[in-house]
């Protein structure tokens, strides 16, 4: 790896910028996050709906989502895990990054009021509604081999292959597929170590609404999570609604809840400058 020499002036400027951000973070009082969104999901005004589609169990879906729009993913009458990936529509080398999302916000617990970051430190989604609070940003999704071991003799589809199909249809390759966010997946670290499934944290009919903070290409896969204890492959359909939300107000919770979110939105503003 080639070492890049930096001038004393550049080093000093970088240090000053780091110390400024550190000071802001230490002085910032995070806002309290709300509890889960109410059930059942309230109706969305028909005047703002752009598109609705039911994604059958085991299948996938993709869309272009513009800044100022949102998607609601609704489990309806059953429990389903939905894997989500996203890319910046104008530069697909920028993509969702769940490691940074957890690291920057100091938590793997994603819910209403949190944001989801790209790998370039910008905010891709704001979680404006969420009745679940049970989402997994660490485990990844199912594969041909994991399904074969879990559902011997059953005909199945899996998240990995679904997302490859999504990527190809968007003009991308399997190497462009980022780490996934598993929505409605009650995964937590077990006391003895390793990951555990906590079914009591998931409700039939849960929903989440994600507001786009940049123009994106979004892909979904509706397949059971690798830790889902059901021995039968029977994923339920989910209803996806794309709708207009408009520009967020200045004191919007997702934009102001943490110092990290504030900086992420500052980076978004620089992108549009």
Protein backbone atom coordinates (compact mmCIF):
# COMPACT_ATOMS: atom_id res chain seq x y z
CA UNK A 1 0.00 0.00 0.00
CA UNK A 2 1.39 3.39 -0.96
CA UNK A 3 1.87 5.84 1.92
CA UNK A 4 0.54 9.33 1.20
CA UNK A 5 2.54 12.09 2.85
CA UNK A 6 0.44 14.97 4.17
CA UNK A 7 1.65 18.47 4.82
CA UNK A 8 1.78 19.82 8.39
CA UNK A 9 -0.97 22.26 7.42
CA UNK A 10 -3.27 19.46 6.21
CA UNK A 11 -2.60 17.40 9.33
CA UNK A 12 -3.37 20.39 11.53
CA UNK A 13 -6.59 21.12 9.63
CA UNK A 14 -7.73 17.50 9.95
CA UNK A 15 -6.96 17.48 13.67
CA UNK A 16 -8.88 20.72 14.19
CA UNK A 17 -11.87 19.30 12.33
CA UNK A 18 -11.77 16.12 14.43
CA UNK A 19 -11.56 18.09 17.68
CA UNK A 20 -14.48 20.29 16.58
CA UNK A 21 -16.68 17.24 15.90
CA UNK A 22 -15.57 15.62 19.16
CA UNK A 23 -16.51 18.75 21.10
CA UNK A 24 -19.93 18.93 19.42
CA UNK A 25 -20.58 15.29 20.23
CA UNK A 26 -19.63 15.66 23.90
CA UNK A 27 -21.78 18.78 24.29
CA UNK A 28 -24.80 17.42 22.40
CA UNK A 29 -27.71 16.16 24.50
CA UNK A 30 -29.42 13.38 22.50
CA UNK A 31 -33.18 13.69 22.17
CA UNK A 32 -35.33 10.98 23.70
CA UNK A 33 -36.64 8.57 21.10
CA UNK A 34 -40.33 7.68 21.04
CA UNK A 35 -41.83 4.28 21.66
CA UNK A 36 -43.10 2.00 18.88
CA UNK A 37 -45.56 3.36 16.33
CA UNK A 38 -49.19 2.40 17.01
CA UNK A 39 -50.89 -0.72 15.68
CA UNK A 40 -52.74 -1.24 13.45
CA UNK A 41 -50.98 0.86 10.83
CA UNK A 42 -52.98 4.01 10.03
CA UNK A 43 -54.19 4.48 6.47
CA UNK A 44 -52.01 6.49 4.10
CA UNK A 45 -53.80 9.31 2.29
CA UNK A 46 -54.57 8.04 -1.21
CA UNK A 47 -53.57 11.43 -2.66
CA UNK A 48 -49.89 10.90 -1.73
CA UNK A 49 -49.57 7.24 -2.75
CA UNK A 50 -47.32 6.72 -5.77
CA UNK A 51 -47.39 2.94 -5.97
CA UNK A 52 -48.47 -0.10 -3.96
CA UNK A 53 -47.36 -3.66 -4.51
CA UNK A 54 -47.69 -6.95 -2.67
CA UNK A 55 -44.41 -8.87 -2.54
CA UNK A 56 -45.25 -12.58 -2.25
CA UNK A 57 -43.45 -14.76 0.24
CA UNK A 58 -40.08 -15.80 -1.16
CA UNK A 59 -39.93 -13.10 -3.82
CA UNK A 60 -38.18 -9.77 -4.36
CA UNK A 61 -38.96 -6.22 -5.45
CA UNK A 62 -37.05 -3.09 -6.37
CA UNK A 63 -37.82 0.56 -7.04
CA UNK A 64 -36.26 3.96 -7.50
CA UNK A 65 -37.06 6.05 -4.43
CA UNK A 66 -36.61 9.81 -4.64
CA UNK A 67 -35.60 12.19 -1.87
CA UNK A 68 -38.80 13.35 -0.18
CA UNK A 69 -40.56 10.04 -0.76
CA UNK A 70 -40.95 7.13 1.63
CA UNK A 71 -41.84 3.47 1.63
CA UNK A 72 -44.02 1.66 4.13
CA UNK A 73 -43.36 -2.07 4.47
CA UNK A 74 -46.32 -3.74 6.15
CA UNK A 75 -46.40 -7.37 7.28
CA UNK A 76 -50.19 -7.43 7.08
CA UNK A 77 -51.52 -10.53 8.82
CA UNK A 78 -48.33 -12.56 9.21
CA UNK A 79 -44.73 -12.42 10.39
CA UNK A 80 -42.21 -11.92 7.59
CA UNK A 81 -38.58 -10.86 7.50
CA UNK A 82 -37.77 -8.41 4.71
CA UNK A 83 -34.15 -7.88 3.67
CA UNK A 84 -33.40 -4.37 2.41
CA UNK A 85 -30.48 -3.00 0.38
CA UNK A 86 -30.01 0.42 -1.21
CA UNK A 87 -27.66 2.36 -3.46
CA UNK A 88 -27.31 6.06 -4.27
CA UNK A 89 -29.18 6.34 -7.59
CA UNK A 90 -26.66 8.86 -8.97
CA UNK A 91 -23.55 6.96 -7.89
CA UNK A 92 -24.11 3.30 -7.06
CA UNK A 93 -20.64 2.99 -5.52
CA UNK A 94 -22.29 4.63 -2.50
CA UNK A 95 -24.49 2.11 -0.71
CA UNK A 96 -26.15 1.28 2.57
CA UNK A 97 -23.70 0.45 5.37
CA UNK A 98 -25.14 -1.23 8.45
CA UNK A 99 -21.81 -1.48 10.28
CA UNK A 100 -21.40 2.30 10.14
CA UNK A 101 -25.09 2.76 10.98
CA UNK A 102 -24.63 0.84 14.23
CA UNK A 103 -21.16 2.18 15.02
CA UNK A 104 -21.92 5.86 14.43
CA UNK A 105 -25.15 5.76 16.48
CA UNK A 106 -23.62 3.52 19.17
CA UNK A 107 -26.41 0.95 18.90
CA UNK A 108 -27.69 -1.97 16.86
CA UNK A 109 -31.24 -1.21 18.05
CA UNK A 110 -32.84 0.55 15.10
CA UNK A 111 -36.29 2.05 15.41
CA UNK A 112 -38.34 5.21 15.03
CA UNK A 113 -36.09 8.27 15.22
CA UNK A 114 -32.93 6.51 14.00
CA UNK A 115 -31.26 6.98 10.62
CA UNK A 116 -29.51 4.58 8.25
CA UNK A 117 -26.15 5.65 6.86
CA UNK A 118 -24.32 5.06 3.61
CA UNK A 119 -20.68 4.04 3.44
CA UNK A 120 -19.83 7.69 2.75
CA UNK A 121 -21.19 9.07 6.01
CA UNK A 122 -24.44 10.36 4.54
CA UNK A 123 -27.98 9.57 5.62
CA UNK A 124 -29.91 7.33 3.23
CA UNK A 125 -33.06 6.67 5.26
CA UNK A 126 -34.84 8.16 8.24
CA UNK A 127 -36.98 5.72 10.21
CA UNK A 128 -40.08 7.89 10.58
CA UNK A 129 -42.44 5.15 11.80
CA UNK A 130 -41.77 1.71 13.24
CA UNK A 131 -44.10 -0.49 15.27
CA UNK A 132 -41.54 -3.25 15.69
CA UNK A 133 -38.12 -2.12 16.91
CA UNK A 134 -36.96 -5.66 16.11
CA UNK A 135 -34.58 -5.35 13.18
CA UNK A 136 -31.29 -7.10 12.49
CA UNK A 137 -28.33 -5.25 10.98
CA UNK A 138 -25.68 -7.89 11.73
CA UNK A 139 -26.63 -11.40 10.61
CA UNK A 140 -27.14 -11.27 6.85
CA UNK A 141 -29.66 -13.30 4.87
CA UNK A 142 -30.41 -16.81 3.73
CA UNK A 143 -28.50 -18.65 0.98
CA UNK A 144 -29.04 -21.79 -1.07
CA UNK A 145 -26.94 -23.81 1.35
CA UNK A 146 -28.50 -22.41 4.52
CA UNK A 147 -31.98 -23.16 3.19
CA UNK A 148 -30.98 -26.68 2.14
CA UNK A 149 -29.78 -27.39 5.67
CA UNK A 150 -32.78 -25.79 7.33
CA UNK A 151 -35.58 -26.99 5.02
CA UNK A 152 -34.44 -30.38 3.65
CA UNK A 153 -36.62 -31.57 0.78
CA UNK A 154 -38.58 -28.29 0.55
CA UNK A 155 -38.62 -26.02 -2.48
CA UNK A 156 -37.39 -22.60 -1.41
CA UNK A 157 -36.06 -19.24 -2.55
CA UNK A 158 -33.36 -17.36 -0.65
CA UNK A 159 -32.27 -13.81 0.04
CA UNK A 160 -28.84 -14.04 -1.60
CA UNK A 161 -30.17 -15.21 -4.96
CA UNK A 162 -33.06 -12.75 -4.82
CA UNK A 163 -30.69 -9.83 -4.29
CA UNK A 164 -28.47 -10.98 -7.14
CA UNK A 165 -31.55 -10.79 -9.38
CA UNK A 166 -32.32 -7.31 -8.02
CA UNK A 167 -28.76 -6.16 -8.69
CA UNK A 168 -28.68 -7.53 -12.24
CA UNK A 169 -32.00 -5.89 -13.11
CA UNK A 170 -30.58 -2.58 -11.86
CA UNK A 171 -27.46 -2.94 -14.01
CA UNK A 172 -25.25 -4.00 -11.09
CA UNK A 173 -23.43 -7.22 -10.20
CA UNK A 174 -23.31 -9.49 -7.15
CA UNK A 175 -20.16 -7.68 -6.03
CA UNK A 176 -22.27 -4.51 -5.67
CA UNK A 177 -24.60 -6.07 -3.08
CA UNK A 178 -23.99 -4.45 0.32
CA UNK A 179 -24.71 -5.84 3.76
CA UNK A 180 -28.45 -6.11 4.33
CA UNK A 181 -30.88 -4.75 6.88
CA UNK A 182 -33.31 -7.45 8.00
CA UNK A 183 -36.59 -5.79 8.91
CA UNK A 184 -38.90 -7.58 11.35
CA UNK A 185 -36.14 -9.89 12.59
CA UNK A 186 -36.06 -10.10 16.42
CA UNK A 187 -32.39 -11.01 16.68
CA UNK A 188 -30.39 -10.21 19.79
CA UNK A 189 -27.13 -11.35 21.30
CA UNK A 190 -27.75 -14.27 23.66
CA UNK A 191 -26.34 -14.14 27.21
CA UNK A 192 -24.15 -17.15 26.50
CA UNK A 193 -22.82 -15.56 23.31
CA UNK A 194 -23.94 -15.81 19.71
CA UNK A 195 -27.19 -14.63 18.17
CA UNK A 196 -30.63 -15.63 19.39
CA UNK A 197 -34.19 -15.27 18.01
CA UNK A 198 -36.72 -13.58 20.30
CA UNK A 199 -40.18 -14.19 18.80
CA UNK A 200 -41.97 -12.25 21.57
CA UNK A 201 -40.48 -9.04 20.13
CA UNK A 202 -42.29 -9.47 16.79
CA UNK A 203 -45.97 -8.74 16.20
CA UNK A 204 -48.13 -9.87 13.33
CA UNK A 205 -49.02 -6.72 11.39
CA UNK A 206 -45.85 -4.76 12.26
CA UNK A 207 -44.81 -2.06 9.81
CA UNK A 208 -41.94 0.34 9.22
CA UNK A 209 -41.77 3.58 7.21
CA UNK A 210 -38.47 4.76 5.76
CA UNK A 211 -38.09 8.27 4.34
CA UNK A 212 -35.54 8.70 1.54
CA UNK A 213 -32.93 11.38 2.23
CA UNK A 214 -31.34 11.01 -1.22
CA UNK A 215 -32.37 9.52 -4.55
CA UNK A 216 -31.89 5.76 -4.25
CA UNK A 217 -32.28 2.39 -5.86
CA UNK A 218 -33.89 0.09 -3.28
CA UNK A 219 -34.17 -3.68 -3.29
CA UNK A 220 -36.20 -5.99 -1.03
CA UNK A 221 -36.23 -9.76 -0.53
CA UNK A 222 -39.08 -11.43 1.36
CA UNK A 223 -37.51 -14.67 2.65
CA UNK A 224 -37.29 -16.18 6.15
CA UNK A 225 -34.36 -15.08 8.30
CA UNK A 226 -31.67 -17.77 8.83
CA UNK A 227 -32.52 -17.85 12.57
CA UNK A 228 -36.30 -18.03 12.13
CA UNK A 229 -37.20 -21.18 14.11
CA UNK A 230 -40.15 -22.23 11.89
CA UNK A 231 -39.11 -25.58 10.33
CA UNK A 232 -41.50 -25.07 7.42
CA UNK A 233 -40.70 -22.65 4.62
CA UNK A 234 -43.80 -20.47 4.56
CA UNK A 235 -42.96 -16.74 4.22
CA UNK A 236 -46.00 -14.45 4.21
CA UNK A 237 -46.62 -11.65 1.69
CA UNK A 238 -45.86 -8.04 2.57
CA UNK A 239 -47.45 -4.85 1.25
CA UNK A 240 -45.07 -2.12 0.09
CA UNK A 241 -46.39 1.41 -0.37
CA UNK A 242 -44.32 4.17 -1.96
CA UNK A 243 -45.64 7.62 -1.13
CA UNK A 244 -44.76 11.33 -1.01
CA UNK A 245 -43.70 12.80 2.33
CA UNK A 246 -42.23 16.16 1.36
CA UNK A 247 -39.27 17.91 2.94
CA UNK A 248 -38.67 17.32 6.64
CA UNK A 249 -39.03 20.29 8.99
CA UNK A 250 -35.94 21.78 10.63
CA UNK A 251 -36.54 20.14 14.03
CA UNK A 252 -37.48 16.75 12.56
CA UNK A 253 -36.68 14.06 15.14
CA UNK A 254 -34.53 11.92 12.84
CA UNK A 255 -32.49 14.94 11.77
CA UNK A 256 -31.84 16.22 15.29
CA UNK A 257 -31.93 13.24 17.66
CA UNK A 258 -28.17 12.75 17.84
CA UNK A 259 -25.01 14.66 16.98
CA UNK A 260 -24.14 11.85 14.56
CA UNK A 261 -27.40 12.31 12.66
CA UNK A 262 -26.84 16.07 12.49
CA UNK A 263 -23.42 15.51 10.92
CA UNK A 264 -24.84 12.94 8.51
CA UNK A 265 -27.40 15.45 7.24
CA UNK A 266 -24.69 18.08 6.97
CA UNK A 267 -22.85 15.68 4.67
CA UNK A 268 -26.06 15.25 2.65
CA UNK A 269 -26.28 19.01 2.23
CA UNK A 270 -22.69 19.13 0.97
CA UNK A 271 -23.56 16.49 -1.63
CA UNK A 272 -26.31 18.73 -3.03
CA UNK A 273 -24.28 21.94 -2.86
